[in-house]
Each structure stands twice: as structure tokens, then as C-alpha cells.
Amino acid sequence: MVIRLRSNEFFGDIPQQICRLSSLIVLDLAYNRLSGSIPRASFVVHQKEGIRISSILPLVRMVDLSCNNLFGGIPAEISSPFGLQSLNLSRNHLMGSIPEKIGGIEYLESLDLSNNHLSGEIPQSITSLTFLSQLDLSYNNFSGRIPSRTRLPSFDALDFIGNPELCGTPLQKNCTENEGPQGEENVEGTEISWFYIGAATGFVVGFWGVCGALQCKRAWRHAFFKFLDSIKDRVYVNNVGLDFDMFEMSKGLQPRRKGGKRWW
């Protein structure tokens, strides 16, 4: 059985009864206005020759619920259909983490969970998906290290983009080196900040200390301004003398000095 109802205007919840279609092979409800949560299938499991077999959705190969308004978490039961090959839940409002048992979908070839609000770490069990060739976990809130003991590093960085707290290959953000330099940078920035704070404080205290002393002591104040006047006079005399020397040199004369000093 194939249910392909994509690109319509269906709205409302996905009926729970859809999980009881034992002959279902393809479920495609993408590009609608469906809301609510993904149905949690009440899988009836029985024993046959010592092997646990699910009697619900045993034949399903493809599930596409992308581009809807679904919310809530990804049901743990999503990993029960043993033969599922393609799962697309992208562009919804799903939250929570990826089920730890996602690695139980042994024949999964394509997994797209992009553009949701999923968080937490990527489960290590995803490394068991040996047939996985297409993966897109971009634009979520995943964190931690991308599992490395798998074929996952062969995927492109764009498949993980939009997860600021995610690190490891194939992203450029290195998990082991990221914390160290960042901590050193913070320490260095703090030291520089305290340096400027101390310098500014010292300037203010010194400036107002001198001004306060001059304000309180008249004799000091007079001596200080007298000293400034003498400095101003010396600078003025030196500048005038320099201009006169340059004038004499321009006329071909030697500057007139007496005892190594100007005699005028």
C-alpha cells in the first residue's frame, strides 16, 4: 500500500489508525498543514522462534512528513520498522532529542531531520547505520561531538550547519581545542580590562591629588604657576633664537654667540 498525499492543504492531526496499516510501504504526507505530534504506534510485539517481530508497519520503506507544522518529540517507536530505508521529518517544529535506538533501523539509507528544534547530542548508535548515505541534521540545536567511529565524517559540513554547539569532523570547530584557546582568550581579555581600569583610576587619583593640593596651599599654587610661566618664557626665547639663527644662516652669516650662549 502506498499513501502519497503530498502538496495538498490537509490540516489537523495525523490519525493514530495510520500506524495499523500493516501493508503500508510508502507514507508521504509532505507539504501540507498537518499539526500535532507524530503518532506513537502501539507496536504489538510477539515471539516467533525466539525472535521479536513487530506486527505493525512491517513493510514500510519510506516515511516523509516534511514541511508541515508537526511538534513534539520524535517517538522512540520510529526505530521499530525494521526495513525503513528513508525517513524525512525536516521543516517542522519537532523538539527533544534523537531517539537513542535510531541505530536499530538497520537498512536506513536517508535521514533528514533538518530545520527543527531538536537538541542534545547525536546518539552514538547512529554509527550502526552502515547503509546511511544521505544525512541532514542542519539548523537544529544539537550539541557535543559528532560521532566519529562511523562513516559520518564523510558527510559534508553543510549537513551539520546551523548547530552552534556542535563540534568535530567535518565541521571546522574542534572539540578538544575549542575550550582551551577560548579560556585563554577570556583570561587575556580580563587582564587587559583590569589594566585599563587600573590606569584610569591612577590617573584620576593623581590628577585630583595634585589639583587638591594646589587648591589648599596658596604658596604651592603660586610656585606652580610661576614655574609654568618660566617654562613658557624659556620655550618662547628658544623659538625666537632658533628663528634668528635660521635668518642669519640664510644670509650667509654665523650665529652670534658668547660663551656658547646667545649674548643678546
Protein backbone atom coordinates (compact mmCIF):
# COMPACT_ATOMS: atom_id res chain seq x y z
CA MET A 1 0.00 0.00 0.00
CA VAL A 2 1.25 3.45 -0.95
CA ILE A 3 -0.18 6.64 0.59
CA ARG A 4 1.09 9.68 -1.29
CA LEU A 5 -0.83 12.84 -0.38
CA ARG A 6 1.89 15.47 -0.57
CA SER A 7 1.38 19.09 -1.64
CA ASN A 8 -2.22 19.47 -0.56
CA GLU A 9 -3.97 21.56 2.06
CA PHE A 10 -4.58 18.84 4.64
CA PHE A 11 -4.59 20.08 8.20
CA GLY A 12 -5.16 18.68 11.65
CA ASP A 13 -3.54 15.69 13.34
CA ILE A 14 -2.22 12.58 11.66
CA PRO A 15 -4.71 9.85 12.63
CA GLN A 16 -3.41 7.22 15.01
CA GLN A 17 -5.03 4.49 12.93
CA ILE A 18 -2.49 5.02 10.17
CA CYS A 19 0.01 3.08 12.25
CA ARG A 20 -2.13 -0.05 11.95
CA LEU A 21 -1.89 -0.33 8.17
CA SER A 22 0.18 -3.49 8.15
CA SER A 23 0.59 -3.45 4.34
CA LEU A 24 1.81 0.16 4.20
CA ILE A 25 5.03 0.59 2.22
CA VAL A 26 5.18 4.35 1.50
CA LEU A 27 3.74 7.17 3.62
CA ASP A 28 4.17 10.58 2.01
CA LEU A 29 2.30 13.47 3.65
CA ALA A 30 4.85 16.20 2.92
CA TYR A 31 3.97 19.82 2.09
CA ASN A 32 0.67 20.04 3.92
CA ARG A 33 -0.51 21.89 7.01
CA LEU A 34 -0.64 18.92 9.35
CA SER A 35 -0.13 19.70 13.02
CA GLY A 36 0.04 17.86 16.29
CA SER A 37 2.57 15.22 17.19
CA ILE A 38 3.83 12.22 15.27
CA PRO A 39 1.60 9.24 16.18
CA ARG A 40 3.11 6.87 18.69
CA ALA A 41 2.47 3.45 17.29
CA SER A 42 1.37 0.89 19.86
CA PHE A 43 3.57 -1.81 18.47
CA VAL A 44 2.38 -5.28 19.21
CA VAL A 45 5.43 -7.47 19.52
CA HIS A 46 5.27 -11.22 19.63
CA GLN A 47 7.79 -14.01 19.71
CA LYS A 48 8.43 -16.25 16.73
CA GLU A 49 11.16 -18.83 17.01
CA GLY A 50 12.88 -16.73 19.66
CA ILE A 51 12.92 -13.57 17.52
CA ARG A 52 10.93 -10.46 18.47
CA ILE A 53 8.85 -9.37 15.46
CA SER A 54 6.77 -6.20 15.17
CA SER A 55 3.35 -6.79 13.70
CA ILE A 56 2.79 -3.05 13.00
CA LEU A 57 4.15 -1.47 9.80
CA PRO A 58 6.36 -4.43 9.00
CA LEU A 59 6.68 -3.47 5.30
CA VAL A 60 7.13 0.32 5.45
CA ARG A 61 10.14 1.54 3.47
CA MET A 62 9.66 5.32 3.22
CA VAL A 63 8.13 7.93 5.57
CA ASP A 64 8.06 11.59 4.54
CA LEU A 65 6.32 14.05 6.88
CA SER A 66 8.42 17.07 5.93
CA CYS A 67 7.21 20.66 5.54
CA ASN A 68 4.31 20.52 7.98
CA ASN A 69 3.62 22.02 11.40
CA LEU A 70 4.29 18.93 13.48
CA PHE A 71 5.58 19.46 17.02
CA GLY A 72 6.58 17.38 19.99
CA GLY A 73 9.32 14.80 20.00
CA ILE A 74 10.39 12.00 17.70
CA PRO A 75 8.74 8.83 19.05
CA ALA A 76 11.12 6.11 20.13
CA GLU A 77 8.90 3.70 18.20
CA ILE A 78 10.16 5.28 14.97
CA SER A 79 13.04 2.83 15.09
CA SER A 80 10.81 -0.23 15.19
CA PRO A 81 10.05 -0.62 11.44
CA PHE A 82 12.97 -2.88 10.65
CA GLY A 83 13.03 -2.29 6.88
CA LEU A 84 12.67 1.51 6.86
CA GLN A 85 15.01 3.00 4.26
CA SER A 86 14.10 6.70 4.11
CA LEU A 87 12.90 8.97 6.92
CA ASN A 88 12.25 12.67 6.32
CA LEU A 89 10.90 14.79 9.19
CA SER A 90 12.51 18.06 8.12
CA ARG A 91 10.97 21.55 8.29
CA ASN A 92 8.66 21.01 11.22
CA HIS A 93 8.74 22.18 14.83
CA LEU A 94 9.98 18.99 16.45
CA MET A 95 11.76 19.24 19.78
CA GLY A 96 13.66 16.91 22.06
CA SER A 97 16.48 14.59 21.10
CA ILE A 98 17.06 11.91 18.51
CA PRO A 99 15.93 8.55 19.94
CA GLU A 100 18.88 6.54 21.16
CA LYS A 101 17.58 3.47 19.33
CA ILE A 102 17.77 5.19 15.94
CA GLY A 103 20.65 2.85 15.18
CA GLY A 104 18.20 -0.05 15.19
CA ILE A 105 16.88 0.92 11.74
CA GLU A 106 19.45 -1.30 10.13
CA TYR A 107 18.68 -0.58 6.47
CA LEU A 108 18.16 3.16 6.76
CA GLU A 109 19.74 4.95 3.78
CA SER A 110 18.42 8.51 4.10
CA LEU A 111 17.73 10.54 7.25
CA ASP A 112 16.64 14.19 7.13
CA LEU A 113 15.83 15.95 10.41
CA SER A 114 16.89 19.44 9.34
CA ASN A 115 15.15 22.71 10.23
CA ASN A 116 13.57 21.65 13.50
CA HIS A 117 14.27 22.47 17.15
CA LEU A 118 15.94 19.21 18.08
CA SER A 119 18.62 19.33 20.75
CA GLY A 120 21.03 17.20 22.74
CA GLU A 121 23.85 15.08 21.42
CA ILE A 122 23.75 12.97 18.28
CA PRO A 123 23.36 9.43 19.64
CA GLN A 124 26.34 7.14 19.24
CA SER A 125 24.02 4.42 17.96
CA ILE A 126 23.79 6.30 14.66
CA THR A 127 27.18 4.83 13.88
CA SER A 128 25.44 1.46 13.37
CA LEU A 129 23.67 2.73 10.26
CA THR A 130 26.10 1.20 7.79
CA PHE A 131 23.83 1.84 4.77
CA LEU A 132 23.30 5.54 5.57
CA SER A 133 24.31 7.61 2.53
CA GLN A 134 22.25 10.79 2.99
CA LEU A 135 22.13 12.67 6.27
CA ASP A 136 20.93 16.19 7.06
CA LEU A 137 20.83 17.41 10.66
CA SER A 138 21.32 21.09 9.85
CA TYR A 139 19.63 24.01 11.60
CA ASN A 140 18.75 22.45 14.92
CA ASN A 141 20.21 22.87 18.41
CA PHE A 142 22.42 19.80 18.59
CA SER A 143 25.48 19.95 20.82
CA GLY A 144 28.57 17.93 21.60
CA ARG A 145 30.80 15.89 19.34
CA ILE A 146 29.71 14.39 16.05
CA PRO A 147 30.14 10.60 16.39
CA SER A 148 33.40 9.72 14.68
CA ARG A 149 33.54 5.91 14.66
CA THR A 150 31.41 5.73 11.57
CA ARG A 151 31.04 6.93 8.02
CA LEU A 152 29.59 10.20 9.31
CA PRO A 153 32.83 12.20 8.80
CA SER A 154 32.44 11.55 5.05
CA PHE A 155 29.39 13.81 5.01
CA ASP A 156 29.66 17.49 4.16
CA ALA A 157 29.78 20.21 6.81
CA LEU A 158 26.57 21.66 5.35
CA ASP A 159 24.74 18.60 6.70
CA PHE A 160 25.51 19.84 10.25
CA ILE A 161 25.48 23.62 9.76
CA GLY A 162 23.25 25.74 11.99
CA ASN A 163 24.14 23.88 15.21
CA PRO A 164 26.42 26.32 17.08
CA GLU A 165 27.24 23.89 19.89
CA LEU A 166 28.15 21.00 17.59
CA CYS A 167 31.82 20.17 17.01
CA GLY A 168 34.09 17.64 15.36
CA THR A 169 34.65 16.40 11.82
CA PRO A 170 33.51 17.51 9.26
CA LEU A 171 32.99 20.88 11.00
CA GLN A 172 35.96 23.20 11.47
CA LYS A 173 35.12 23.59 15.14
CA ASN A 174 37.44 21.25 17.02
CA CYS A 175 36.07 19.79 20.24
CA THR A 176 39.42 19.36 22.02
CA GLU A 177 40.99 22.69 21.07
CA ASN A 178 37.89 24.84 21.29
CA GLU A 179 37.73 25.18 25.07
CA GLY A 180 41.42 25.82 25.72
CA PRO A 181 42.09 28.83 23.49
CA GLN A 182 38.71 30.29 24.34
CA GLY A 183 39.55 30.13 28.04
CA GLU A 184 42.98 31.69 27.49
CA GLU A 185 41.41 34.42 25.37
CA ASN A 186 38.93 35.18 28.14
CA VAL A 187 41.73 35.37 30.73
CA GLU A 188 43.80 37.64 28.49
CA GLY A 189 40.81 39.87 27.84
CA THR A 190 40.16 40.11 31.60
CA GLU A 191 43.78 41.08 32.29
CA ILE A 192 43.67 43.81 29.63
CA SER A 193 40.41 45.15 31.08
CA TRP A 194 41.88 45.35 34.58
CA PHE A 195 44.98 47.11 33.19
CA TYR A 196 42.90 49.90 31.67
CA ILE A 197 40.74 50.16 34.78
CA GLY A 198 43.85 50.49 36.98
CA ALA A 199 45.44 53.04 34.66
CA ALA A 200 42.30 55.17 34.56
CA THR A 201 41.91 55.00 38.34
CA GLY A 202 45.55 56.00 38.88
CA PHE A 203 45.22 58.96 36.52
CA VAL A 204 42.09 60.24 38.23
CA VAL A 205 43.55 59.89 41.73
CA GLY A 206 46.85 61.52 40.74
CA PHE A 207 45.23 64.38 38.86
CA TRP A 208 42.82 65.31 41.59
CA GLY A 209 45.51 64.82 44.23
CA VAL A 210 47.70 67.46 42.58
CA CYS A 211 44.75 69.80 41.96
CA GLY A 212 43.57 69.42 45.54
CA ALA A 213 47.00 70.21 46.94
CA LEU A 214 47.31 73.33 44.77
CA GLN A 215 43.84 74.46 45.80
CA CYS A 216 44.57 74.12 49.51
CA LYS A 217 48.11 75.57 49.58
CA ARG A 218 48.37 79.13 48.20
CA ALA A 219 52.19 79.13 48.32
CA TRP A 220 52.32 75.89 46.34
CA ARG A 221 49.82 77.27 43.86
CA HIS A 222 51.87 80.43 43.28
CA ALA A 223 55.08 78.43 42.95
CA PHE A 224 53.46 76.05 40.47
CA PHE A 225 52.15 78.79 38.18
CA LYS A 226 55.45 80.67 38.46
CA PHE A 227 57.20 77.51 37.32
CA LEU A 228 54.81 77.21 34.36
CA ASP A 229 55.49 80.85 33.41
CA SER A 230 59.25 80.26 33.45
CA ILE A 231 58.87 77.20 31.24
CA LYS A 232 56.74 79.22 28.82
CA ASP A 233 59.35 82.02 28.70
CA ARG A 234 62.18 79.58 28.02
CA VAL A 235 60.28 77.93 25.21
CA TYR A 236 59.47 81.32 23.69
CA VAL A 237 63.10 82.57 23.91
CA ASN A 238 64.44 79.34 22.36
CA ASN A 239 61.98 79.55 19.48
CA VAL A 240 62.87 83.20 18.80
CA GLY A 241 66.58 82.39 18.93
CA LEU A 242 66.14 79.47 16.54
CA ASP A 243 64.29 81.69 14.09
CA PHE A 244 67.09 84.32 14.33
CA ASP A 245 69.78 81.69 13.69
CA MET A 246 67.95 80.46 10.65
CA PHE A 247 67.66 84.05 9.37
CA GLU A 248 71.40 84.67 9.81
CA MET A 249 72.27 81.35 8.12
CA SER A 250 70.06 82.28 5.20
CA LYS A 251 72.14 85.48 4.82
CA GLY A 252 75.40 83.56 4.93
CA LEU A 253 76.32 84.78 8.47
CA GLN A 254 77.32 82.78 11.51
CA PRO A 255 75.04 82.98 14.55
CA ARG A 256 76.47 85.37 17.12
CA ARG A 257 77.09 83.63 20.44
CA LYS A 258 79.07 84.49 23.55
CA GLY A 259 80.46 81.73 25.75
CA GLY A 260 78.37 79.18 23.93
CA LYS A 261 75.25 81.21 24.69
CA ARG A 262 73.45 83.99 22.96
CA TRP A 263 74.71 87.39 24.06
CA TRP A 264 71.67 89.49 23.31
